[in-house]
Amino acid sequence: MDSILKIIAFVMLFVPTIYQAIAGFRTKDKAVVKKVAGQAVIMQVIGTLLAYLIFIKIGNDKMIAIYGGFVFFLSLILLIFIQNILLFLKNNNQN
């Protein structure tokens, strides 16, 4: 049961990054990238809190959830940064 809860916690931490990758690269508008980024950041915070609660429930070190959430949050920020750079380069090439 503990391993299933750990997998669920990992998925909750990982889903916002996947959401940003799929939705962010499909758009052609900077405003939509920012909107999707805001949604993904909120999802990441909620996922980290839920993972923290899961790790409290199973009795493991709850700081793992905080560290994992922080790492996935940094990957989310990096992904948003890359999407904005690619959108900027694409718009400059069209002009």
N, C-alpha and C. Protein backbone atom coordinates (compact mmCIF):
# COMPACT_ATOMS: atom_id res chain seq x y z
N MET A 1 0.81 -1.20 0.00
CA MET A 1 0.00 0.00 0.00
C MET A 1 0.86 1.26 0.00
N ASP A 2 1.99 1.20 0.72
CA ASP A 2 2.86 2.37 0.78
C ASP A 2 3.43 2.71 -0.59
N SER A 3 3.81 1.69 -1.35
CA SER A 3 4.40 1.96 -2.66
C SER A 3 3.37 2.56 -3.63
N ILE A 4 2.11 2.16 -3.51
CA ILE A 4 1.06 2.73 -4.36
C ILE A 4 0.87 4.20 -4.02
N LEU A 5 0.88 4.53 -2.73
CA LEU A 5 0.74 5.93 -2.33
C LEU A 5 1.94 6.76 -2.79
N LYS A 6 3.14 6.18 -2.76
CA LYS A 6 4.33 6.89 -3.24
C LYS A 6 4.21 7.16 -4.74
N ILE A 7 3.71 6.21 -5.49
CA ILE A 7 3.52 6.40 -6.93
C ILE A 7 2.49 7.49 -7.18
N ILE A 8 1.40 7.48 -6.42
CA ILE A 8 0.38 8.53 -6.56
C ILE A 8 0.97 9.90 -6.26
N ALA A 9 1.78 9.99 -5.21
CA ALA A 9 2.42 11.26 -4.86
C ALA A 9 3.35 11.73 -5.98
N PHE A 10 4.13 10.81 -6.55
CA PHE A 10 5.02 11.17 -7.65
C PHE A 10 4.22 11.67 -8.86
N VAL A 11 3.12 11.01 -9.18
CA VAL A 11 2.29 11.42 -10.31
C VAL A 11 1.72 12.82 -10.08
N MET A 12 1.29 13.08 -8.84
CA MET A 12 0.75 14.41 -8.54
C MET A 12 1.81 15.50 -8.68
N LEU A 13 3.06 15.15 -8.43
CA LEU A 13 4.15 16.12 -8.59
C LEU A 13 4.53 16.28 -10.06
N PHE A 14 4.35 15.24 -10.85
CA PHE A 14 4.82 15.22 -12.24
C PHE A 14 3.79 15.76 -13.24
N VAL A 15 2.51 15.62 -12.94
CA VAL A 15 1.44 15.99 -13.88
C VAL A 15 1.49 17.47 -14.32
N PRO A 16 1.71 18.44 -13.41
CA PRO A 16 1.74 19.83 -13.88
C PRO A 16 2.83 20.12 -14.92
N THR A 17 3.96 19.45 -14.80
CA THR A 17 5.03 19.64 -15.78
C THR A 17 4.61 19.08 -17.14
N ILE A 18 3.99 17.92 -17.15
CA ILE A 18 3.50 17.34 -18.40
C ILE A 18 2.42 18.23 -19.02
N TYR A 19 1.52 18.74 -18.17
CA TYR A 19 0.46 19.64 -18.64
C TYR A 19 1.05 20.88 -19.30
N GLN A 20 2.05 21.46 -18.67
CA GLN A 20 2.69 22.64 -19.24
C GLN A 20 3.40 22.30 -20.54
N ALA A 21 4.04 21.15 -20.60
CA ALA A 21 4.75 20.76 -21.81
C ALA A 21 3.79 20.58 -22.98
N ILE A 22 2.67 19.94 -22.74
CA ILE A 22 1.72 19.68 -23.83
C ILE A 22 0.99 20.96 -24.22
N ALA A 23 0.39 21.63 -23.24
CA ALA A 23 -0.43 22.80 -23.54
C ALA A 23 0.42 24.01 -23.93
N GLY A 24 1.58 24.15 -23.35
CA GLY A 24 2.42 25.32 -23.63
C GLY A 24 3.05 25.29 -25.01
N PHE A 25 3.44 24.11 -25.49
CA PHE A 25 4.06 24.02 -26.81
C PHE A 25 3.04 24.04 -27.93
N ARG A 26 1.78 23.81 -27.63
CA ARG A 26 0.75 23.80 -28.68
C ARG A 26 0.26 25.20 -29.03
N THR A 27 0.49 26.16 -28.17
CA THR A 27 -0.04 27.50 -28.38
C THR A 27 0.91 28.35 -29.21
N LYS A 28 0.36 29.39 -29.78
CA LYS A 28 1.15 30.32 -30.57
C LYS A 28 1.06 31.74 -30.02
N ASP A 29 0.48 31.88 -28.84
CA ASP A 29 0.25 33.19 -28.24
C ASP A 29 0.91 33.24 -26.87
N LYS A 30 1.60 34.35 -26.59
CA LYS A 30 2.30 34.49 -25.32
C LYS A 30 1.33 34.57 -24.14
N ALA A 31 0.17 35.18 -24.35
CA ALA A 31 -0.81 35.29 -23.27
C ALA A 31 -1.33 33.92 -22.85
N VAL A 32 -1.50 33.04 -23.82
CA VAL A 32 -1.98 31.69 -23.51
C VAL A 32 -0.90 30.91 -22.76
N VAL A 33 0.37 31.12 -23.13
CA VAL A 33 1.47 30.45 -22.42
C VAL A 33 1.47 30.90 -20.96
N LYS A 34 1.26 32.20 -20.72
CA LYS A 34 1.23 32.69 -19.35
C LYS A 34 0.03 32.15 -18.58
N LYS A 35 -1.10 32.03 -19.24
CA LYS A 35 -2.30 31.50 -18.59
C LYS A 35 -2.09 30.03 -18.21
N VAL A 36 -1.57 29.25 -19.14
CA VAL A 36 -1.30 27.84 -18.88
C VAL A 36 -0.24 27.70 -17.79
N ALA A 37 0.75 28.58 -17.80
CA ALA A 37 1.81 28.55 -16.78
C ALA A 37 1.22 28.81 -15.39
N GLY A 38 0.31 29.77 -15.29
CA GLY A 38 -0.34 30.04 -14.02
C GLY A 38 -1.13 28.84 -13.52
N GLN A 39 -1.84 28.19 -14.43
CA GLN A 39 -2.58 26.99 -14.05
C GLN A 39 -1.64 25.88 -13.60
N ALA A 40 -0.53 25.71 -14.30
CA ALA A 40 0.41 24.65 -13.96
C ALA A 40 1.09 24.93 -12.61
N VAL A 41 1.38 26.19 -12.31
CA VAL A 41 1.99 26.52 -11.02
C VAL A 41 1.01 26.22 -9.88
N ILE A 42 -0.25 26.58 -10.06
CA ILE A 42 -1.26 26.28 -9.04
C ILE A 42 -1.39 24.76 -8.86
N MET A 43 -1.40 24.03 -9.98
CA MET A 43 -1.47 22.57 -9.90
C MET A 43 -0.25 22.01 -9.16
N GLN A 44 0.92 22.60 -9.39
CA GLN A 44 2.15 22.12 -8.74
C GLN A 44 2.09 22.34 -7.23
N VAL A 45 1.61 23.50 -6.81
CA VAL A 45 1.50 23.77 -5.37
C VAL A 45 0.51 22.81 -4.72
N ILE A 46 -0.63 22.60 -5.35
CA ILE A 46 -1.63 21.67 -4.81
C ILE A 46 -1.07 20.24 -4.79
N GLY A 47 -0.39 19.84 -5.85
CA GLY A 47 0.21 18.51 -5.90
C GLY A 47 1.25 18.30 -4.82
N THR A 48 2.05 19.34 -4.55
CA THR A 48 3.06 19.24 -3.49
C THR A 48 2.40 19.10 -2.13
N LEU A 49 1.35 19.87 -1.89
CA LEU A 49 0.64 19.77 -0.61
C LEU A 49 0.00 18.38 -0.44
N LEU A 50 -0.61 17.87 -1.50
CA LEU A 50 -1.20 16.54 -1.42
C LEU A 50 -0.13 15.46 -1.22
N ALA A 51 0.99 15.59 -1.91
CA ALA A 51 2.08 14.62 -1.72
C ALA A 51 2.62 14.70 -0.28
N TYR A 52 2.71 15.90 0.26
CA TYR A 52 3.13 16.08 1.65
C TYR A 52 2.18 15.35 2.59
N LEU A 53 0.88 15.50 2.36
CA LEU A 53 -0.11 14.82 3.20
C LEU A 53 -0.02 13.30 3.06
N ILE A 54 0.24 12.82 1.85
CA ILE A 54 0.39 11.38 1.64
C ILE A 54 1.60 10.86 2.40
N PHE A 55 2.72 11.59 2.35
CA PHE A 55 3.91 11.14 3.05
C PHE A 55 3.73 11.21 4.57
N ILE A 56 2.94 12.14 5.06
CA ILE A 56 2.61 12.16 6.49
C ILE A 56 1.80 10.91 6.84
N LYS A 57 0.84 10.56 5.97
CA LYS A 57 -0.04 9.41 6.24
C LYS A 57 0.73 8.10 6.29
N ILE A 58 1.68 7.91 5.37
CA ILE A 58 2.41 6.64 5.35
C ILE A 58 3.60 6.64 6.30
N GLY A 59 3.90 7.78 6.90
CA GLY A 59 4.94 7.83 7.91
C GLY A 59 6.35 7.99 7.39
N ASN A 60 6.52 8.27 6.13
CA ASN A 60 7.85 8.50 5.59
C ASN A 60 8.29 9.93 5.87
N ASP A 61 9.51 10.22 5.49
CA ASP A 61 10.04 11.57 5.65
C ASP A 61 9.26 12.53 4.75
N LYS A 62 8.52 13.42 5.36
CA LYS A 62 7.66 14.32 4.59
C LYS A 62 8.45 15.37 3.82
N MET A 63 9.72 15.57 4.16
CA MET A 63 10.53 16.55 3.43
C MET A 63 10.82 16.08 2.00
N ILE A 64 10.69 14.79 1.76
CA ILE A 64 10.86 14.27 0.40
C ILE A 64 9.83 14.91 -0.53
N ALA A 65 8.60 15.06 -0.06
CA ALA A 65 7.56 15.69 -0.87
C ALA A 65 7.89 17.15 -1.14
N ILE A 66 8.41 17.84 -0.14
CA ILE A 66 8.77 19.26 -0.32
C ILE A 66 9.92 19.38 -1.31
N TYR A 67 10.95 18.56 -1.15
CA TYR A 67 12.08 18.60 -2.08
C TYR A 67 11.67 18.21 -3.49
N GLY A 68 10.85 17.17 -3.60
CA GLY A 68 10.35 16.75 -4.92
C GLY A 68 9.51 17.83 -5.56
N GLY A 69 8.63 18.46 -4.78
CA GLY A 69 7.82 19.56 -5.30
C GLY A 69 8.66 20.72 -5.77
N PHE A 70 9.73 21.02 -5.03
CA PHE A 70 10.62 22.11 -5.41
C PHE A 70 11.36 21.79 -6.71
N VAL A 71 11.82 20.56 -6.84
CA VAL A 71 12.53 20.15 -8.06
C VAL A 71 11.61 20.21 -9.28
N PHE A 72 10.39 19.70 -9.14
CA PHE A 72 9.44 19.75 -10.25
C PHE A 72 9.01 21.19 -10.53
N PHE A 73 8.94 22.02 -9.49
CA PHE A 73 8.62 23.44 -9.68
C PHE A 73 9.72 24.12 -10.49
N LEU A 74 10.98 23.82 -10.20
CA LEU A 74 12.08 24.37 -10.98
C LEU A 74 12.05 23.89 -12.42
N SER A 75 11.71 22.62 -12.63
CA SER A 75 11.60 22.12 -14.00
C SER A 75 10.45 22.79 -14.74
N LEU A 76 9.37 23.09 -14.02
CA LEU A 76 8.24 23.80 -14.61
C LEU A 76 8.65 25.21 -15.04
N ILE A 77 9.38 25.90 -14.18
CA ILE A 77 9.85 27.25 -14.51
C ILE A 77 10.79 27.22 -15.71
N LEU A 78 11.67 26.25 -15.75
CA LEU A 78 12.59 26.11 -16.89
C LEU A 78 11.82 25.84 -18.18
N LEU A 79 10.81 25.02 -18.10
CA LEU A 79 9.98 24.72 -19.27
C LEU A 79 9.25 25.97 -19.77
N ILE A 80 8.71 26.76 -18.85
CA ILE A 80 8.03 28.00 -19.22
C ILE A 80 9.02 28.97 -19.86
N PHE A 81 10.21 29.04 -19.31
CA PHE A 81 11.26 29.91 -19.86
C PHE A 81 11.61 29.49 -21.28
N ILE A 82 11.78 28.20 -21.51
CA ILE A 82 12.10 27.70 -22.85
C ILE A 82 10.95 27.99 -23.83
N GLN A 83 9.72 27.82 -23.39
CA GLN A 83 8.58 28.09 -24.26
C GLN A 83 8.52 29.57 -24.64
N ASN A 84 8.81 30.45 -23.70
CA ASN A 84 8.81 31.88 -24.01
C ASN A 84 9.93 32.26 -24.98
N ILE A 85 11.09 31.65 -24.81
CA ILE A 85 12.20 31.91 -25.74
C ILE A 85 11.85 31.42 -27.14
N LEU A 86 11.31 30.21 -27.25
CA LEU A 86 10.95 29.69 -28.56
C LEU A 86 9.85 30.52 -29.22
N LEU A 87 8.89 30.99 -28.44
CA LEU A 87 7.83 31.84 -28.97
C LEU A 87 8.40 33.17 -29.44
N PHE A 88 9.34 33.73 -28.69
CA PHE A 88 10.00 34.98 -29.08
C PHE A 88 10.77 34.81 -30.38
N LEU A 89 11.53 33.73 -30.48
CA LEU A 89 12.30 33.47 -31.70
C LEU A 89 11.39 33.23 -32.90
N LYS A 90 10.30 32.54 -32.68
CA LYS A 90 9.35 32.27 -33.76
C LYS A 90 8.70 33.57 -34.26
N ASN A 91 8.33 34.45 -33.33
CA ASN A 91 7.72 35.72 -33.72
C ASN A 91 8.72 36.64 -34.41
N ASN A 92 9.99 36.60 -34.03
CA ASN A 92 11.00 37.42 -34.69
C ASN A 92 11.31 36.91 -36.09
N ASN A 93 11.24 35.63 -36.30
CA ASN A 93 11.49 35.07 -37.63
C ASN A 93 10.37 35.40 -38.61
N GLN A 94 9.15 35.60 -38.09
CA GLN A 94 8.02 35.92 -38.96
C GLN A 94 8.07 37.37 -39.42
N ASN A 95 8.72 38.24 -38.67
CA ASN A 95 8.80 39.67 -39.02
C ASN A 95 9.85 39.95 -40.00
